[in-house]
Amino acid sequence: MTLDELPIGKEAVITKVSGEGALRCRFLDMGLIPKTKVVVQKVAPMGDPIELHIRGYELTIRKEDAGKIEVEPEEKEA
């Protein structure tokens, strides 16, 4: 699943960051690094952009860019 498909309030772990060249480097610089936990906080009324909570701060990215970041939903332990 990609980050743009993650429901609001759900936690996931980044598994892969796609994109090429400067775009991929920018994602990594913003903290979108594999094995990092991320939560979708808000989605704009028209669906773009989306606000994420990652590494203790809020980050807003375009839905198109979020589609280049693969995540795996976090399993809640009972």
PDB file of N, CA and C in Angstrom:
ATOM      1  N   MET A   1       0.852  -1.174   0.000  1.00  0.00           N
ATOM      2  CA  MET A   1       0.000   0.000   0.000  1.00  0.00           C
ATOM      3  C   MET A   1       0.898   1.237   0.000  1.00  0.00           C
ATOM      4  N   THR A   2       0.375   2.304  -0.551  1.00  0.00           N
ATOM      5  CA  THR A   2       1.150   3.542  -0.565  1.00  0.00           C
ATOM      6  C   THR A   2       0.570   4.525   0.452  1.00  0.00           C
ATOM      7  N   LEU A   3       1.331   5.528   0.775  1.00  0.00           N
ATOM      8  CA  LEU A   3       0.966   6.489   1.814  1.00  0.00           C
ATOM      9  C   LEU A   3      -0.332   7.228   1.502  1.00  0.00           C
ATOM     10  N   ASP A   4      -0.612   7.475   0.237  1.00  0.00           N
ATOM     11  CA  ASP A   4      -1.854   8.174  -0.122  1.00  0.00           C
ATOM     12  C   ASP A   4      -3.093   7.302   0.094  1.00  0.00           C
ATOM     13  N   GLU A   5      -2.929   5.995   0.278  1.00  0.00           N
ATOM     14  CA  GLU A   5      -4.046   5.068   0.511  1.00  0.00           C
ATOM     15  C   GLU A   5      -4.297   4.818   1.994  1.00  0.00           C
ATOM     16  N   LEU A   6      -3.399   5.282   2.857  1.00  0.00           N
ATOM     17  CA  LEU A   6      -3.514   5.054   4.296  1.00  0.00           C
ATOM     18  C   LEU A   6      -4.651   5.895   4.876  1.00  0.00           C
ATOM     19  N   PRO A   7      -5.583   5.267   5.628  1.00  0.00           N
ATOM     20  CA  PRO A   7      -6.699   6.022   6.209  1.00  0.00           C
ATOM     21  C   PRO A   7      -6.237   7.000   7.292  1.00  0.00           C
ATOM     22  N   ILE A   8      -7.021   8.036   7.512  1.00  0.00           N
ATOM     23  CA  ILE A   8      -6.716   9.031   8.540  1.00  0.00           C
ATOM     24  C   ILE A   8      -6.664   8.362   9.908  1.00  0.00           C
ATOM     25  N   GLY A   9      -5.650   8.702  10.682  1.00  0.00           N
ATOM     26  CA  GLY A   9      -5.503   8.183  12.033  1.00  0.00           C
ATOM     27  C   GLY A   9      -4.795   6.847  12.138  1.00  0.00           C
ATOM     28  N   LYS A  10      -4.545   6.188  11.028  1.00  0.00           N
ATOM     29  CA  LYS A  10      -3.868   4.888  11.054  1.00  0.00           C
ATOM     30  C   LYS A  10      -2.362   5.085  11.025  1.00  0.00           C
ATOM     31  N   GLU A  11      -1.667   4.234  11.764  1.00  0.00           N
ATOM     32  CA  GLU A  11      -0.208   4.285  11.817  1.00  0.00           C
ATOM     33  C   GLU A  11       0.367   3.230  10.878  1.00  0.00           C
ATOM     34  N   ALA A  12       1.462   3.557  10.227  1.00  0.00           N
ATOM     35  CA  ALA A  12       2.122   2.630   9.320  1.00  0.00           C
ATOM     36  C   ALA A  12       3.630   2.844   9.418  1.00  0.00           C
ATOM     37  N   VAL A  13       4.359   1.911   8.826  1.00  0.00           N
ATOM     38  CA  VAL A  13       5.806   2.003   8.778  1.00  0.00           C
ATOM     39  C   VAL A  13       6.217   2.109   7.311  1.00  0.00           C
ATOM     40  N   ILE A  14       7.076   3.055   7.013  1.00  0.00           N
ATOM     41  CA  ILE A  14       7.553   3.241   5.641  1.00  0.00           C
ATOM     42  C   ILE A  14       8.440   2.051   5.274  1.00  0.00           C
ATOM     43  N   THR A  15       8.152   1.442   4.122  1.00  0.00           N
ATOM     44  CA  THR A  15       8.946   0.301   3.672  1.00  0.00           C
ATOM     45  C   THR A  15       9.834   0.638   2.476  1.00  0.00           C
ATOM     46  N   LYS A  16       9.386   1.581   1.630  1.00  0.00           N
ATOM     47  CA  LYS A  16      10.172   1.922   0.445  1.00  0.00           C
ATOM     48  C   LYS A  16       9.862   3.345   0.011  1.00  0.00           C
ATOM     49  N   VAL A  17      10.889   4.077  -0.379  1.00  0.00           N
ATOM     50  CA  VAL A  17      10.726   5.437  -0.885  1.00  0.00           C
ATOM     51  C   VAL A  17      11.158   5.424  -2.349  1.00  0.00           C
ATOM     52  N   SER A  18      10.188   5.655  -3.235  1.00  0.00           N
ATOM     53  CA  SER A  18      10.475   5.685  -4.668  1.00  0.00           C
ATOM     54  C   SER A  18      10.723   7.125  -5.112  1.00  0.00           C
ATOM     55  N   GLY A  19      10.716   7.340  -6.392  1.00  0.00           N
ATOM     56  CA  GLY A  19      11.014   8.673  -6.910  1.00  0.00           C
ATOM     57  C   GLY A  19      12.432   8.657  -7.448  1.00  0.00           C
ATOM     58  N   GLU A  20      12.741   9.663  -8.222  1.00  0.00           N
ATOM     59  CA  GLU A  20      14.059   9.703  -8.840  1.00  0.00           C
ATOM     60  C   GLU A  20      14.814  10.974  -8.484  1.00  0.00           C
ATOM     61  N   GLY A  21      16.110  10.838  -8.372  1.00  0.00           N
ATOM     62  CA  GLY A  21      16.997  11.970  -8.193  1.00  0.00           C
ATOM     63  C   GLY A  21      16.665  12.886  -7.038  1.00  0.00           C
ATOM     64  N   ALA A  22      16.473  14.160  -7.362  1.00  0.00           N
ATOM     65  CA  ALA A  22      16.261  15.193  -6.351  1.00  0.00           C
ATOM     66  C   ALA A  22      14.993  14.950  -5.532  1.00  0.00           C
ATOM     67  N   LEU A  23      13.942  14.408  -6.163  1.00  0.00           N
ATOM     68  CA  LEU A  23      12.697  14.159  -5.441  1.00  0.00           C
ATOM     69  C   LEU A  23      12.912  13.130  -4.337  1.00  0.00           C
ATOM     70  N   ARG A  24      13.596  12.035  -4.640  1.00  0.00           N
ATOM     71  CA  ARG A  24      13.863  10.999  -3.634  1.00  0.00           C
ATOM     72  C   ARG A  24      14.738  11.563  -2.509  1.00  0.00           C
ATOM     73  N   CYS A  25      15.740  12.330  -2.860  1.00  0.00           N
ATOM     74  CA  CYS A  25      16.608  12.950  -1.843  1.00  0.00           C
ATOM     75  C   CYS A  25      15.804  13.888  -0.952  1.00  0.00           C
ATOM     76  N   ARG A  26      14.865  14.613  -1.543  1.00  0.00           N
ATOM     77  CA  ARG A  26      14.034  15.532  -0.757  1.00  0.00           C
ATOM     78  C   ARG A  26      13.163  14.760   0.234  1.00  0.00           C
ATOM     79  N   PHE A  27      12.568  13.641  -0.216  1.00  0.00           N
ATOM     80  CA  PHE A  27      11.782  12.799   0.689  1.00  0.00           C
ATOM     81  C   PHE A  27      12.637  12.356   1.877  1.00  0.00           C
ATOM     82  N   LEU A  28      13.827  11.879   1.596  1.00  0.00           N
ATOM     83  CA  LEU A  28      14.715  11.393   2.652  1.00  0.00           C
ATOM     84  C   LEU A  28      15.116  12.530   3.588  1.00  0.00           C
ATOM     85  N   ASP A  29      15.378  13.705   3.043  1.00  0.00           N
ATOM     86  CA  ASP A  29      15.739  14.869   3.858  1.00  0.00           C
ATOM     87  C   ASP A  29      14.597  15.286   4.788  1.00  0.00           C
ATOM     88  N   MET A  30      13.345  15.063   4.361  1.00  0.00           N
ATOM     89  CA  MET A  30      12.183  15.424   5.174  1.00  0.00           C
ATOM     90  C   MET A  30      11.896  14.380   6.256  1.00  0.00           C
ATOM     91  N   GLY A  31      12.669  13.299   6.285  1.00  0.00           N
ATOM     92  CA  GLY A  31      12.475  12.279   7.313  1.00  0.00           C
ATOM     93  C   GLY A  31      11.655  11.092   6.861  1.00  0.00           C
ATOM     94  N   LEU A  32      11.294  11.045   5.591  1.00  0.00           N
ATOM     95  CA  LEU A  32      10.535   9.912   5.054  1.00  0.00           C
ATOM     96  C   LEU A  32      11.515   8.799   4.704  1.00  0.00           C
ATOM     97  N   ILE A  33      11.957   8.097   5.742  1.00  0.00           N
ATOM     98  CA  ILE A  33      13.003   7.084   5.628  1.00  0.00           C
ATOM     99  C   ILE A  33      12.411   5.717   5.949  1.00  0.00           C
ATOM    100  N   PRO A  34      12.808   4.669   5.226  1.00  0.00           N
ATOM    101  CA  PRO A  34      12.309   3.329   5.549  1.00  0.00           C
ATOM    102  C   PRO A  34      12.477   2.996   7.035  1.00  0.00           C
ATOM    103  N   LYS A  35      11.501   2.246   7.567  1.00  0.00           N
ATOM    104  CA  LYS A  35      11.403   1.813   8.967  1.00  0.00           C
ATOM    105  C   LYS A  35      10.951   2.928   9.910  1.00  0.00           C
ATOM    106  N   THR A  36      10.477   4.059   9.364  1.00  0.00           N
ATOM    107  CA  THR A  36       9.989   5.176  10.175  1.00  0.00           C
ATOM    108  C   THR A  36       8.470   5.086  10.276  1.00  0.00           C
ATOM    109  N   LYS A  37       7.947   5.312  11.481  1.00  0.00           N
ATOM    110  CA  LYS A  37       6.498   5.308  11.688  1.00  0.00           C
ATOM    111  C   LYS A  37       5.907   6.626  11.207  1.00  0.00           C
ATOM    112  N   VAL A  38       4.724   6.527  10.606  1.00  0.00           N
ATOM    113  CA  VAL A  38       4.036   7.701  10.076  1.00  0.00           C
ATOM    114  C   VAL A  38       2.531   7.539  10.304  1.00  0.00           C
ATOM    115  N   VAL A  39       1.855   8.663  10.580  1.00  0.00           N
ATOM    116  CA  VAL A  39       0.400   8.666  10.772  1.00  0.00           C
ATOM    117  C   VAL A  39      -0.191   9.749   9.883  1.00  0.00           C
ATOM    118  N   VAL A  40      -1.272   9.429   9.167  1.00  0.00           N
ATOM    119  CA  VAL A  40      -1.976  10.443   8.381  1.00  0.00           C
ATOM    120  C   VAL A  40      -2.866  11.209   9.349  1.00  0.00           C
ATOM    121  N   GLN A  41      -2.635  12.510   9.491  1.00  0.00           N
ATOM    122  CA  GLN A  41      -3.382  13.355  10.421  1.00  0.00           C
ATOM    123  C   GLN A  41      -4.630  13.958   9.777  1.00  0.00           C
ATOM    124  N   LYS A  42      -4.459  14.545   8.595  1.00  0.00           N
ATOM    125  CA  LYS A  42      -5.566  15.245   7.930  1.00  0.00           C
ATOM    126  C   LYS A  42      -5.427  15.089   6.419  1.00  0.00           C
ATOM    127  N   VAL A  43      -6.562  15.237   5.746  1.00  0.00           N
ATOM    128  CA  VAL A  43      -6.573  15.279   4.287  1.00  0.00           C
ATOM    129  C   VAL A  43      -7.388  16.498   3.898  1.00  0.00           C
ATOM    130  N   ALA A  44      -6.881  17.296   2.983  1.00  0.00           N
ATOM    131  CA  ALA A  44      -7.592  18.496   2.542  1.00  0.00           C
ATOM    132  C   ALA A  44      -8.945  18.115   1.931  1.00  0.00           C
ATOM    133  N   PRO A  45      -9.907  19.031   1.932  1.00  0.00           N
ATOM    134  CA  PRO A  45     -11.256  18.733   1.421  1.00  0.00           C
ATOM    135  C   PRO A  45     -11.293  18.123   0.018  1.00  0.00           C
ATOM    136  N   MET A  46     -10.425  18.528  -0.849  1.00  0.00           N
ATOM    137  CA  MET A  46     -10.409  17.973  -2.205  1.00  0.00           C
ATOM    138  C   MET A  46      -9.462  16.771  -2.310  1.00  0.00           C
ATOM    139  N   GLY A  47      -8.899  16.336  -1.176  1.00  0.00           N
ATOM    140  CA  GLY A  47      -8.046  15.152  -1.159  1.00  0.00           C
ATOM    141  C   GLY A  47      -6.567  15.422  -1.345  1.00  0.00           C
ATOM    142  N   ASP A  48      -6.195  16.668  -1.546  1.00  0.00           N
ATOM    143  CA  ASP A  48      -4.792  16.988  -1.793  1.00  0.00           C
ATOM    144  C   ASP A  48      -4.509  18.375  -1.231  1.00  0.00           C
ATOM    145  N   PRO A  49      -3.545  18.595  -0.382  1.00  0.00           N
ATOM    146  CA  PRO A  49      -2.503  17.684   0.101  1.00  0.00           C
ATOM    147  C   PRO A  49      -2.949  16.885   1.336  1.00  0.00           C
ATOM    148  N   ILE A  50      -2.011  16.074   1.864  1.00  0.00           N
ATOM    149  CA  ILE A  50      -2.281  15.331   3.086  1.00  0.00           C
ATOM    150  C   ILE A  50      -1.247  15.724   4.142  1.00  0.00           C
ATOM    151  N   GLU A  51      -1.691  15.735   5.404  1.00  0.00           N
ATOM    152  CA  GLU A  51      -0.806  16.100   6.506  1.00  0.00           C
ATOM    153  C   GLU A  51      -0.420  14.833   7.265  1.00  0.00           C
ATOM    154  N   LEU A  52       0.870  14.686   7.514  1.00  0.00           N
ATOM    155  CA  LEU A  52       1.404  13.513   8.194  1.00  0.00           C
ATOM    156  C   LEU A  52       2.022  13.909   9.524  1.00  0.00           C
ATOM    157  N   HIS A  53       2.030  12.979  10.454  1.00  0.00           N
ATOM    158  CA  HIS A  53       2.785  13.147  11.700  1.00  0.00           C
ATOM    159  C   HIS A  53       3.924  12.138  11.607  1.00  0.00           C
ATOM    160  N   ILE A  54       5.138  12.658  11.601  1.00  0.00           N
ATOM    161  CA  ILE A  54       6.312  11.804  11.443  1.00  0.00           C
ATOM    162  C   ILE A  54       7.465  12.377  12.265  1.00  0.00           C
ATOM    163  N   ARG A  55       8.121  11.533  13.007  1.00  0.00           N
ATOM    164  CA  ARG A  55       9.285  11.929  13.804  1.00  0.00           C
ATOM    165  C   ARG A  55       9.031  13.151  14.692  1.00  0.00           C
ATOM    166  N   GLY A  56       7.816  13.261  15.242  1.00  0.00           N
ATOM    167  CA  GLY A  56       7.512  14.335  16.174  1.00  0.00           C
ATOM    168  C   GLY A  56       7.120  15.663  15.551  1.00  0.00           C
ATOM    169  N   TYR A  57       6.906  15.714  14.247  1.00  0.00           N
ATOM    170  CA  TYR A  57       6.469  16.967  13.631  1.00  0.00           C
ATOM    171  C   TYR A  57       5.420  16.695  12.561  1.00  0.00           C
ATOM    172  N   GLU A  58       4.764  17.746  12.111  1.00  0.00           N
ATOM    173  CA  GLU A  58       3.733  17.642  11.078  1.00  0.00           C
ATOM    174  C   GLU A  58       4.353  17.988   9.730  1.00  0.00           C
ATOM    175  N   LEU A  59       4.049  17.176   8.732  1.00  0.00           N
ATOM    176  CA  LEU A  59       4.578  17.364   7.393  1.00  0.00           C
ATOM    177  C   LEU A  59       3.424  17.275   6.409  1.00  0.00           C
ATOM    178  N   THR A  60       3.329  18.230   5.504  1.00  0.00           N
ATOM    179  CA  THR A  60       2.278  18.216   4.489  1.00  0.00           C
ATOM    180  C   THR A  60       2.923  17.962   3.131  1.00  0.00           C
ATOM    181  N   ILE A  61       2.382  16.940   2.438  1.00  0.00           N
ATOM    182  CA  ILE A  61       2.901  16.623   1.104  1.00  0.00           C
ATOM    183  C   ILE A  61       1.742  16.421   0.136  1.00  0.00           C
ATOM    184  N   ARG A  62       2.051  16.534  -1.139  1.00  0.00           N
ATOM    185  CA  ARG A  62       1.036  16.331  -2.173  1.00  0.00           C
ATOM    186  C   ARG A  62       0.661  14.856  -2.256  1.00  0.00           C
ATOM    187  N   LYS A  63      -0.562  14.595  -2.632  1.00  0.00           N
ATOM    188  CA  LYS A  63      -1.047  13.228  -2.748  1.00  0.00           C
ATOM    189  C   LYS A  63      -0.232  12.462  -3.792  1.00  0.00           C
ATOM    190  N   GLU A  64       0.122  13.127  -4.865  1.00  0.00           N
ATOM    191  CA  GLU A  64       0.925  12.503  -5.924  1.00  0.00           C
ATOM    192  C   GLU A  64       2.264  12.013  -5.365  1.00  0.00           C
ATOM    193  N   ASP A  65       2.890  12.820  -4.509  1.00  0.00           N
ATOM    194  CA  ASP A  65       4.168  12.428  -3.900  1.00  0.00           C
ATOM    195  C   ASP A  65       3.968  11.303  -2.883  1.00  0.00           C
ATOM    196  N   ALA A  66       2.861  11.352  -2.143  1.00  0.00           N
ATOM    197  CA  ALA A  66       2.573  10.308  -1.154  1.00  0.00           C
ATOM    198  C   ALA A  66       2.409   8.949  -1.835  1.00  0.00           C
ATOM    199  N   GLY A  67       1.978   8.952  -3.079  1.00  0.00           N
ATOM    200  CA  GLY A  67       1.821   7.715  -3.844  1.00  0.00           C
ATOM    201  C   GLY A  67       3.140   7.047  -4.190  1.00  0.00           C
ATOM    202  N   LYS A  68       4.234   7.731  -3.979  1.00  0.00           N
ATOM    203  CA  LYS A  68       5.559   7.169  -4.264  1.00  0.00           C
ATOM    204  C   LYS A  68       6.219   6.589  -3.023  1.00  0.00           C
ATOM    205  N   ILE A  69       5.491   6.599  -1.899  1.00  0.00           N
ATOM    206  CA  ILE A  69       6.043   6.095  -0.639  1.00  0.00           C
ATOM    207  C   ILE A  69       5.233   4.885  -0.205  1.00  0.00           C
ATOM    208  N   GLU A  70       5.882   3.730  -0.172  1.00  0.00           N
ATOM    209  CA  GLU A  70       5.201   2.499   0.213  1.00  0.00           C
ATOM    210  C   GLU A  70       5.256   2.328   1.725  1.00  0.00           C
ATOM    211  N   VAL A  71       4.116   1.894   2.292  1.00  0.00           N
ATOM    212  CA  VAL A  71       4.011   1.700   3.736  1.00  0.00           C
ATOM    213  C   VAL A  71       3.371   0.349   4.036  1.00  0.00           C
ATOM    214  N   GLU A  72       3.587  -0.097   5.259  1.00  0.00           N
ATOM    215  CA  GLU A  72       2.940  -1.308   5.747  1.00  0.00           C
ATOM    216  C   GLU A  72       2.207  -0.931   7.023  1.00  0.00           C
ATOM    217  N   PRO A  73       0.886  -1.155   7.072  1.00  0.00           N
ATOM    218  CA  PRO A  73       0.115  -0.782   8.267  1.00  0.00           C
ATOM    219  C   PRO A  73       0.689  -1.436   9.532  1.00  0.00           C
ATOM    220  N   GLU A  74       0.685  -0.686  10.601  1.00  0.00           N
ATOM    221  CA  GLU A  74       1.213  -1.150  11.895  1.00  0.00           C
ATOM    222  C   GLU A  74       0.179  -2.066  12.531  1.00  0.00           C
ATOM    223  N   GLU A  75       0.605  -3.242  12.935  1.00  0.00           N
ATOM    224  CA  GLU A  75      -0.288  -4.197  13.600  1.00  0.00           C
ATOM    225  C   GLU A  75      -0.311  -3.865  15.091  1.00  0.00           C
ATOM    226  N   LYS A  76      -1.512  -3.716  15.637  1.00  0.00           N
ATOM    227  CA  LYS A  76      -1.651  -3.453  17.075  1.00  0.00           C
ATOM    228  C   LYS A  76      -1.509  -4.757  17.848  1.00  0.00           C
ATOM    229  N   GLU A  77      -0.645  -4.741  18.868  1.00  0.00           N
ATOM    230  CA  GLU A  77      -0.455  -5.923  19.701  1.00  0.00           C
ATOM    231  C   GLU A  77      -1.538  -5.980  20.767  1.00  0.00           C
ATOM    232  N   ALA A  78      -2.055  -7.179  20.989  1.00  0.00           N
ATOM    233  CA  ALA A  78      -3.126  -7.340  21.986  1.00  0.00           C
ATOM    234  C   ALA A  78      -2.571  -7.594  23.370  1.00  0.00           C
TER     235      ALA A  78
END
